[in-house]
Amino acid sequence: MDVFVSGQDGYDTFRIPAVVAVREPGAGRQVLVAFAEGRRLGKADHGDVDVVRRLSYDGGCTWSELRPVADSGQDTLGNPAPVAVGDGGRVVLLTTRNGGDATESAIMTGQAAPEDGRRVFAQSSADAGATWSAPREITGQVKRADWRWYATGPGHGVELTTGPDAGRLVVGANHSVAPADDGTDTGAEPRHYAGHSLLSDDGGQTWRIGYVDAAGDGTHHVNETAVAQLPDGTVYFNARDQKGSAPGNRVHAWSRDGGATLDAPFEAATDITAPPVQGSLLQVAGADKGTADAPLLMAAPAAPRDRAWMTVRASADGGATWSTGYRLSDAKAGYCDLVRIDAEHIGILYETGTTTPYEAIRFTPFPVAALTTDREHPDPTR
């Protein structure tokens, strides 16, 4: 099912999907809440961009009409990072905003006016995504003074369900740092990208910075970080390596204190091959459900030189090693997000198309059992 189709509903392009599953208050039925950036005038990352949503009450077979979640006028508001909180239908959403004319390069090089730079907002829904509070700014809580670029997610965050930090909300994020005053860098070089986590211990009312990955080492340039909690309580992060040295463009790290610090710096995820692109994580079930052997899933395009071949990989050892993967399609594919539909099925919301990956954002269900057998195709570009 194509949930968001570029050129429809008053938007030129839809991009940057995210999805969570929650329980509808009262009725108790599961609701899938799908988010995207609605780019009104073109495909560019900047410009008039809104966050929009659609809902499904039948596991992704049909979807409600499109509704805005947040509209910042002519400015850019995007990078939706939702978190399902508890089992009462509550969703917390983090987004990032900048002036509509401010490009990523202008922000990274310090040429954008402060009021047009990246700012961070939080809002919530108490009725499974049907209605939303107004966005409230939390930039002062989560962005350091020397950070320039900033991005929440994109893709869902998690509520920790086990361990001493149970109930904490964890969202992956990234930033860029200003270059040294005595150097020749402009700030737009990939080595100035770095990752960090965002933490809330009060259900999303307040936020703070957790771990901060070091920028500027010239090895890995952490960008667009996904997060999952493993059955033993460890928090696992998997991120895009933006023009770094990871052979498959993916890096990962683990945290044993709820995302506050990393056990060790990000390292190359050598079993994964992907183009430079965002990816998604999903732990099939938590330790509280007695599923210590349940797989950890990771989704991203698998073509090494193109955004194509949406593939879901499985790990039986908490992300240390990964399967070759289950390929959903040989078509163009971009950003994605994974969600649990029921005991037997996973859903993936992902960018795809025939000519480019940005023609539609599609929802595809598939059985968990399919991940027990790799389904790899030969590389047609060789």
Protein backbone atom coordinates (compact mmCIF):
# COMPACT_ATOMS: atom_id res chain seq x y z
CA MET A 1 0.00 0.00 0.00
CA ASP A 2 1.39 3.41 -0.99
CA VAL A 3 0.68 5.54 2.08
CA PHE A 4 2.14 8.84 0.81
CA VAL A 5 2.32 9.48 -2.95
CA SER A 6 4.40 12.38 -4.25
CA GLY A 7 2.31 14.91 -6.16
CA GLN A 8 -0.84 14.25 -4.15
CA ASP A 9 -2.55 16.05 -1.22
CA GLY A 10 -0.97 19.39 -2.14
CA TYR A 11 2.65 18.26 -1.79
CA ASP A 12 5.25 17.88 -4.51
CA THR A 13 7.19 15.21 -2.64
CA PHE A 14 6.87 13.07 0.48
CA ARG A 15 10.03 11.91 2.22
CA ILE A 16 11.49 10.76 5.57
CA PRO A 17 9.05 8.11 6.83
CA ALA A 18 8.53 7.07 10.45
CA VAL A 19 5.97 4.73 12.01
CA VAL A 20 4.94 3.46 15.45
CA ALA A 21 2.27 1.06 16.72
CA VAL A 22 0.11 2.11 19.69
CA ARG A 23 -3.15 1.01 21.35
CA GLU A 24 -6.23 3.15 20.85
CA PRO A 25 -7.48 4.41 24.22
CA GLY A 26 -10.67 2.69 25.28
CA ALA A 27 -11.09 0.38 22.30
CA GLY A 28 -7.66 -1.17 22.74
CA ARG A 29 -7.20 -1.90 19.02
CA GLN A 30 -3.78 -1.38 17.51
CA VAL A 31 -3.17 1.78 15.52
CA LEU A 32 -0.27 2.31 13.14
CA VAL A 33 0.73 5.98 13.03
CA ALA A 34 2.73 6.81 9.90
CA PHE A 35 4.61 10.11 9.54
CA ALA A 36 6.38 11.81 6.66
CA GLU A 37 7.74 15.15 5.56
CA GLY A 38 5.36 16.83 3.13
CA ARG A 39 7.50 18.99 0.84
CA ARG A 40 5.15 21.44 -0.84
CA LEU A 41 7.18 22.96 -3.65
CA GLY A 42 9.89 20.49 -4.58
CA LYS A 43 12.18 17.65 -3.61
CA ALA A 44 14.78 19.76 -1.78
CA ASP A 45 15.53 19.16 1.90
CA HIS A 46 14.79 22.82 2.65
CA GLY A 47 11.80 24.98 1.74
CA ASP A 48 8.16 24.79 2.83
CA VAL A 49 8.09 21.43 4.61
CA ASP A 50 5.42 20.11 7.01
CA VAL A 51 5.12 16.96 9.10
CA VAL A 52 2.03 14.94 8.15
CA ARG A 53 0.48 11.65 9.29
CA ARG A 54 -1.93 8.90 8.32
CA LEU A 55 -3.43 6.21 10.57
CA SER A 56 -4.24 2.54 10.00
CA TYR A 57 -6.58 0.51 12.21
CA ASP A 58 -6.23 -2.76 10.27
CA GLY A 59 -2.53 -3.51 10.25
CA GLY A 60 -1.69 -1.31 7.28
CA CYS A 61 -4.33 -2.58 4.80
CA THR A 62 -6.13 0.79 4.69
CA TRP A 63 -5.14 4.27 5.85
CA SER A 64 -6.94 7.40 7.00
CA GLU A 65 -6.81 10.67 5.12
CA LEU A 66 -3.68 12.75 5.41
CA ARG A 67 -3.56 15.27 8.26
CA PRO A 68 -0.85 17.76 9.31
CA VAL A 69 0.88 17.17 12.62
CA ALA A 70 2.92 20.38 12.53
CA ASP A 71 3.16 23.22 10.02
CA SER A 72 5.80 25.93 10.38
CA GLY A 73 4.55 28.16 7.57
CA GLN A 74 7.22 28.67 4.92
CA ASP A 75 9.93 27.13 7.12
CA THR A 76 11.27 23.58 7.09
CA LEU A 77 9.95 21.25 9.79
CA GLY A 78 10.91 17.61 9.52
CA ASN A 79 12.99 14.66 10.70
CA PRO A 80 10.04 13.07 12.55
CA ALA A 81 11.20 10.86 15.44
CA PRO A 82 8.16 9.37 17.22
CA VAL A 83 8.18 7.27 20.40
CA ALA A 84 5.28 5.09 21.54
CA VAL A 85 4.92 5.62 25.29
CA GLY A 86 3.21 3.03 27.48
CA ASP A 87 0.17 1.12 26.28
CA GLY A 88 -2.46 3.85 26.51
CA GLY A 89 -2.18 5.38 23.05
CA ARG A 90 0.37 8.09 23.86
CA VAL A 91 2.95 9.15 21.25
CA VAL A 92 5.75 11.68 21.73
CA LEU A 93 7.18 13.26 18.58
CA LEU A 94 10.47 15.12 18.16
CA THR A 95 11.11 17.22 15.05
CA THR A 96 13.71 19.68 13.80
CA ARG A 97 13.10 23.08 12.19
CA ASN A 98 15.06 25.65 10.19
CA GLY A 99 14.35 28.65 8.01
CA GLY A 100 12.90 27.69 4.66
CA ASP A 101 15.72 29.31 2.70
CA ALA A 102 18.52 27.87 4.86
CA THR A 103 20.30 24.93 3.24
CA GLU A 104 22.19 22.27 5.18
CA SER A 105 25.45 23.60 3.76
CA ALA A 106 24.66 27.17 4.85
CA ILE A 107 23.87 25.98 8.37
CA MET A 108 27.00 23.80 8.62
CA THR A 109 29.23 26.66 7.42
CA GLY A 110 27.67 29.17 9.82
CA GLN A 111 26.19 31.34 7.05
CA ALA A 112 22.57 30.96 8.15
CA ALA A 113 21.17 33.50 10.58
CA PRO A 114 20.74 32.11 14.13
CA GLU A 115 16.97 32.28 13.91
CA ASP A 116 17.10 30.21 10.70
CA GLY A 117 19.38 27.52 12.14
CA ARG A 118 18.30 24.11 13.36
CA ARG A 119 15.90 24.13 16.32
CA VAL A 120 14.31 21.18 18.07
CA PHE A 121 10.64 20.73 19.03
CA ALA A 122 8.53 18.21 20.95
CA GLN A 123 4.80 17.50 20.85
CA SER A 124 2.54 14.62 21.83
CA SER A 125 -0.70 12.80 21.15
CA ALA A 126 -2.86 11.17 23.84
CA ASP A 127 -5.28 9.51 21.39
CA ALA A 128 -3.08 7.26 19.23
CA GLY A 129 -2.09 9.99 16.77
CA ALA A 130 -5.55 11.38 16.03
CA THR A 131 -4.83 14.83 17.51
CA TRP A 132 -1.64 16.57 18.59
CA SER A 133 -0.44 19.21 21.01
CA ALA A 134 1.28 22.28 19.60
CA PRO A 135 5.06 21.92 19.10
CA ARG A 136 7.12 23.36 21.97
CA GLU A 137 10.76 24.24 21.57
CA ILE A 138 13.35 22.20 23.49
CA THR A 139 16.48 23.44 21.68
CA GLY A 140 18.02 24.78 24.89
CA GLN A 141 17.79 21.33 26.49
CA VAL A 142 19.30 19.31 23.66
CA LYS A 143 21.63 21.42 21.49
CA ARG A 144 25.07 22.66 22.49
CA ALA A 145 26.26 26.14 21.57
CA ASP A 146 28.96 24.95 19.14
CA TRP A 147 26.64 22.60 17.23
CA ARG A 148 25.41 23.81 13.86
CA TRP A 149 23.52 21.17 11.90
CA TYR A 150 21.10 19.08 13.93
CA ALA A 151 18.70 16.23 13.16
CA THR A 152 16.35 14.15 15.26
CA GLY A 153 16.16 10.52 14.13
CA PRO A 154 14.69 10.19 11.62
CA GLY A 155 12.66 7.10 12.44
CA HIS A 156 11.18 5.91 15.72
CA GLY A 157 12.83 6.08 19.11
CA VAL A 158 12.18 3.65 21.96
CA GLU A 159 10.83 3.50 25.49
CA LEU A 160 13.12 1.25 27.54
CA THR A 161 11.18 -1.68 28.99
CA THR A 162 13.73 -3.40 31.21
CA GLY A 163 16.70 -2.63 33.46
CA PRO A 164 17.30 0.24 35.88
CA ASP A 165 16.32 2.84 33.28
CA ALA A 166 12.97 1.27 32.34
CA GLY A 167 10.55 3.97 31.21
CA ARG A 168 13.28 6.17 29.73
CA LEU A 169 12.69 7.47 26.20
CA VAL A 170 15.72 7.23 23.91
CA VAL A 171 15.96 8.91 20.49
CA GLY A 172 18.93 8.85 18.15
CA ALA A 173 20.11 12.20 16.80
CA ASN A 174 23.07 13.82 15.06
CA HIS A 175 24.75 17.19 14.78
CA SER A 176 27.71 18.96 13.24
CA VAL A 177 30.34 20.91 15.12
CA ALA A 178 31.88 24.25 14.20
CA PRO A 179 35.43 23.97 12.83
CA ALA A 180 38.44 25.24 14.71
CA ASP A 181 39.10 28.95 14.32
CA ASP A 182 42.72 28.39 13.24
CA GLY A 183 41.97 25.86 10.51
CA THR A 184 40.86 25.97 6.88
CA ASP A 185 37.70 23.87 7.23
CA THR A 186 34.38 25.51 6.44
CA GLY A 187 32.33 23.19 8.65
CA ALA A 188 30.64 21.46 5.72
CA GLU A 189 33.20 18.64 5.59
CA PRO A 190 31.76 15.21 6.57
CA ARG A 191 34.20 14.85 9.45
CA HIS A 192 32.27 17.51 11.34
CA TYR A 193 29.21 15.23 11.61
CA ALA A 194 28.72 13.34 14.86
CA GLY A 195 26.00 11.43 16.67
CA HIS A 196 24.36 11.75 20.06
CA SER A 197 21.35 10.44 21.94
CA LEU A 198 18.39 12.27 23.46
CA LEU A 199 16.97 11.02 26.76
CA SER A 200 13.79 11.71 28.71
CA ASP A 201 13.04 10.22 32.12
CA ASP A 202 9.64 11.89 32.54
CA GLY A 203 7.70 10.63 29.56
CA GLY A 204 8.89 13.30 27.14
CA GLN A 205 8.22 16.40 29.23
CA THR A 206 11.90 17.28 29.48
CA TRP A 207 14.91 16.10 27.49
CA ARG A 208 18.67 15.95 27.89
CA ILE A 209 21.69 14.91 25.87
CA GLY A 210 23.02 11.41 26.50
CA TYR A 211 26.19 10.14 24.86
CA VAL A 212 28.02 12.41 22.42
CA ASP A 213 30.12 10.86 19.68
CA ALA A 214 33.39 12.66 18.94
CA ALA A 215 33.61 14.49 15.61
CA GLY A 216 36.70 15.26 13.57
CA ASP A 217 38.66 12.01 13.90
CA GLY A 218 38.49 11.37 10.16
CA THR A 219 37.37 7.75 10.60
CA HIS A 220 33.60 7.49 11.08
CA HIS A 221 31.18 10.36 10.51
CA VAL A 222 28.10 9.32 12.46
CA ASN A 223 24.80 10.50 10.96
CA GLU A 224 21.10 9.53 11.16
CA THR A 225 21.16 7.13 14.09
CA ALA A 226 18.60 4.38 14.79
CA VAL A 227 18.08 2.85 18.24
CA ALA A 228 16.75 -0.39 19.75
CA GLN A 229 16.80 -2.02 23.18
CA LEU A 230 18.08 -5.60 23.24
CA PRO A 231 16.45 -8.30 25.39
CA ASP A 232 19.20 -8.03 28.02
CA GLY A 233 18.53 -4.28 28.42
CA THR A 234 21.50 -3.06 26.36
CA VAL A 235 20.73 -0.16 24.03
CA TYR A 236 22.02 -0.65 20.49
CA PHE A 237 22.68 2.16 18.00
CA ASN A 238 23.20 1.72 14.24
CA ALA A 239 24.02 4.76 12.10
CA ARG A 240 24.88 6.01 8.65
CA ASP A 241 28.59 6.65 8.13
CA GLN A 242 28.64 9.79 6.01
CA LYS A 243 31.70 9.46 3.75
CA GLY A 244 33.71 7.79 6.50
CA SER A 245 35.81 4.63 6.36
CA ALA A 246 33.18 1.96 7.10
CA PRO A 247 33.27 -0.36 4.06
CA GLY A 248 29.48 -0.78 3.97
CA ASN A 249 28.61 2.77 5.11
CA ARG A 250 27.18 1.56 8.47
CA VAL A 251 28.55 1.92 11.99
CA HIS A 252 27.23 0.74 15.35
CA ALA A 253 27.72 1.01 19.10
CA TRP A 254 26.26 -0.31 22.36
CA SER A 255 25.28 1.34 25.66
CA ARG A 256 24.76 -0.42 29.01
CA ASP A 257 23.46 2.63 30.86
CA GLY A 258 20.33 3.43 28.91
CA GLY A 259 21.97 5.51 26.18
CA ALA A 260 23.74 7.91 28.55
CA THR A 261 27.22 6.76 27.43
CA LEU A 262 28.65 4.32 24.90
CA ASP A 263 30.59 1.23 25.90
CA ALA A 264 33.04 2.06 23.11
CA PRO A 265 33.09 4.47 20.14
CA PHE A 266 31.15 3.64 16.99
CA GLU A 267 32.81 0.97 14.84
CA ALA A 268 32.14 -0.36 11.35
CA ALA A 269 29.22 -2.79 11.02
CA THR A 270 31.16 -4.95 8.59
CA ASP A 271 28.34 -7.43 7.83
CA ILE A 272 26.12 -4.69 6.37
CA THR A 273 26.46 -3.17 2.92
CA ALA A 274 24.34 -0.13 2.10
CA PRO A 275 24.66 3.15 0.25
CA PRO A 276 25.02 6.26 2.45
CA VAL A 277 21.43 6.36 3.69
CA GLN A 278 19.30 6.25 6.83
CA GLY A 279 18.33 2.84 8.22
CA SER A 280 15.88 1.46 10.79
CA LEU A 281 16.08 -0.95 13.74
CA LEU A 282 13.49 -3.11 15.49
CA GLN A 283 13.94 -5.59 18.32
CA VAL A 284 11.21 -8.13 17.64
CA ALA A 285 10.23 -8.36 21.32
CA GLY A 286 11.60 -7.28 24.66
CA ALA A 287 13.06 -9.25 27.53
CA ASP A 288 9.89 -8.60 29.54
CA LYS A 289 8.09 -10.97 27.13
CA GLY A 290 10.56 -13.80 27.62
CA THR A 291 12.09 -13.64 24.15
CA ALA A 292 15.81 -13.53 24.80
CA ASP A 293 16.44 -15.30 21.47
CA ALA A 294 14.21 -12.99 19.38
CA PRO A 295 16.02 -11.36 16.45
CA LEU A 296 17.11 -7.78 16.14
CA LEU A 297 16.15 -6.40 12.72
CA MET A 298 17.83 -3.74 10.59
CA ALA A 299 16.39 -2.35 7.35
CA ALA A 300 18.12 -0.29 4.65
CA PRO A 301 18.75 -0.40 0.91
CA ALA A 302 21.40 -3.01 0.11
CA ALA A 303 22.70 -1.92 -3.31
CA PRO A 304 26.27 -0.78 -2.65
CA ARG A 305 26.26 2.10 -5.14
CA ASP A 306 22.62 3.11 -5.39
CA ARG A 307 19.56 3.68 -3.23
CA ALA A 308 17.81 0.43 -4.18
CA TRP A 309 17.02 -3.11 -2.99
CA MET A 310 15.21 -2.54 0.30
CA THR A 311 16.47 -5.33 2.55
CA VAL A 312 15.74 -6.43 6.11
CA ARG A 313 18.58 -8.15 7.96
CA ALA A 314 18.45 -10.12 11.20
CA SER A 315 20.93 -10.47 14.05
CA ALA A 316 20.84 -13.23 16.66
CA ASP A 317 23.65 -11.74 18.74
CA GLY A 318 22.51 -8.21 19.51
CA GLY A 319 23.90 -6.57 16.39
CA ALA A 320 27.41 -8.03 16.49
CA THR A 321 26.79 -9.96 13.26
CA TRP A 322 24.06 -9.75 10.61
CA SER A 323 22.40 -11.99 8.05
CA THR A 324 22.65 -11.32 4.32
CA GLY A 325 19.02 -10.28 4.49
CA TYR A 326 15.53 -10.65 3.09
CA ARG A 327 15.12 -8.41 0.06
CA LEU A 328 11.64 -6.97 -0.36
CA SER A 329 12.20 -5.50 -3.81
CA ASP A 330 14.79 -4.77 -6.47
CA ALA A 331 13.30 -1.30 -7.00
CA LYS A 332 14.75 2.04 -6.01
CA ALA A 333 14.52 2.55 -2.24
CA GLY A 334 15.58 5.14 0.34
CA TYR A 335 14.71 5.94 3.95
CA CYS A 336 12.59 3.50 5.98
CA ASP A 337 11.14 2.57 9.37
CA LEU A 338 10.18 -0.81 10.87
CA VAL A 339 7.19 -1.58 13.10
CA ARG A 340 5.72 -4.70 14.71
CA ILE A 341 2.22 -5.48 13.40
CA ASP A 342 1.43 -8.67 15.35
CA ALA A 343 3.10 -11.82 16.66
CA GLU A 344 3.84 -13.10 13.15
CA HIS A 345 4.30 -9.96 11.06
CA ILE A 346 6.55 -6.94 10.72
CA GLY A 347 5.74 -3.85 8.67
CA ILE A 348 8.14 -1.54 6.87
CA LEU A 349 7.34 2.00 5.72
CA TYR A 350 9.85 3.01 3.06
CA GLU A 351 10.62 5.36 0.19
CA THR A 352 10.51 3.72 -3.21
CA GLY A 353 9.82 4.22 -6.90
CA THR A 354 10.64 3.13 -10.43
CA THR A 355 12.88 5.99 -11.55
CA THR A 356 13.79 7.52 -8.17
CA PRO A 357 13.26 6.38 -4.57
CA TYR A 358 11.03 9.38 -3.89
CA GLU A 359 7.89 8.60 -5.89
CA ALA A 360 5.98 7.12 -2.94
CA ILE A 361 6.30 5.99 0.67
CA ARG A 362 5.05 2.41 0.75
CA PHE A 363 3.93 0.16 3.61
CA THR A 364 4.74 -3.53 3.18
CA PRO A 365 4.02 -6.29 5.72
CA PHE A 366 6.08 -9.47 5.79
CA PRO A 367 6.28 -12.53 8.06
CA VAL A 368 8.94 -12.75 10.75
CA ALA A 369 9.55 -16.29 9.55
CA ALA A 370 10.87 -14.93 6.23
CA LEU A 371 13.93 -13.63 8.06
CA THR A 372 15.08 -17.14 8.94
CA THR A 373 16.16 -17.69 5.33
CA ASP A 374 18.34 -15.20 3.47
CA ARG A 375 17.05 -14.18 0.04
CA GLU A 376 19.89 -12.46 -1.76
CA HIS A 377 19.96 -11.55 -5.46
CA PRO A 378 23.01 -11.01 -7.69
CA ASP A 379 24.19 -7.46 -8.22
CA PRO A 380 22.88 -6.43 -11.68
CA THR A 381 25.24 -3.43 -11.80
CA ARG A 382 28.33 -5.63 -12.03
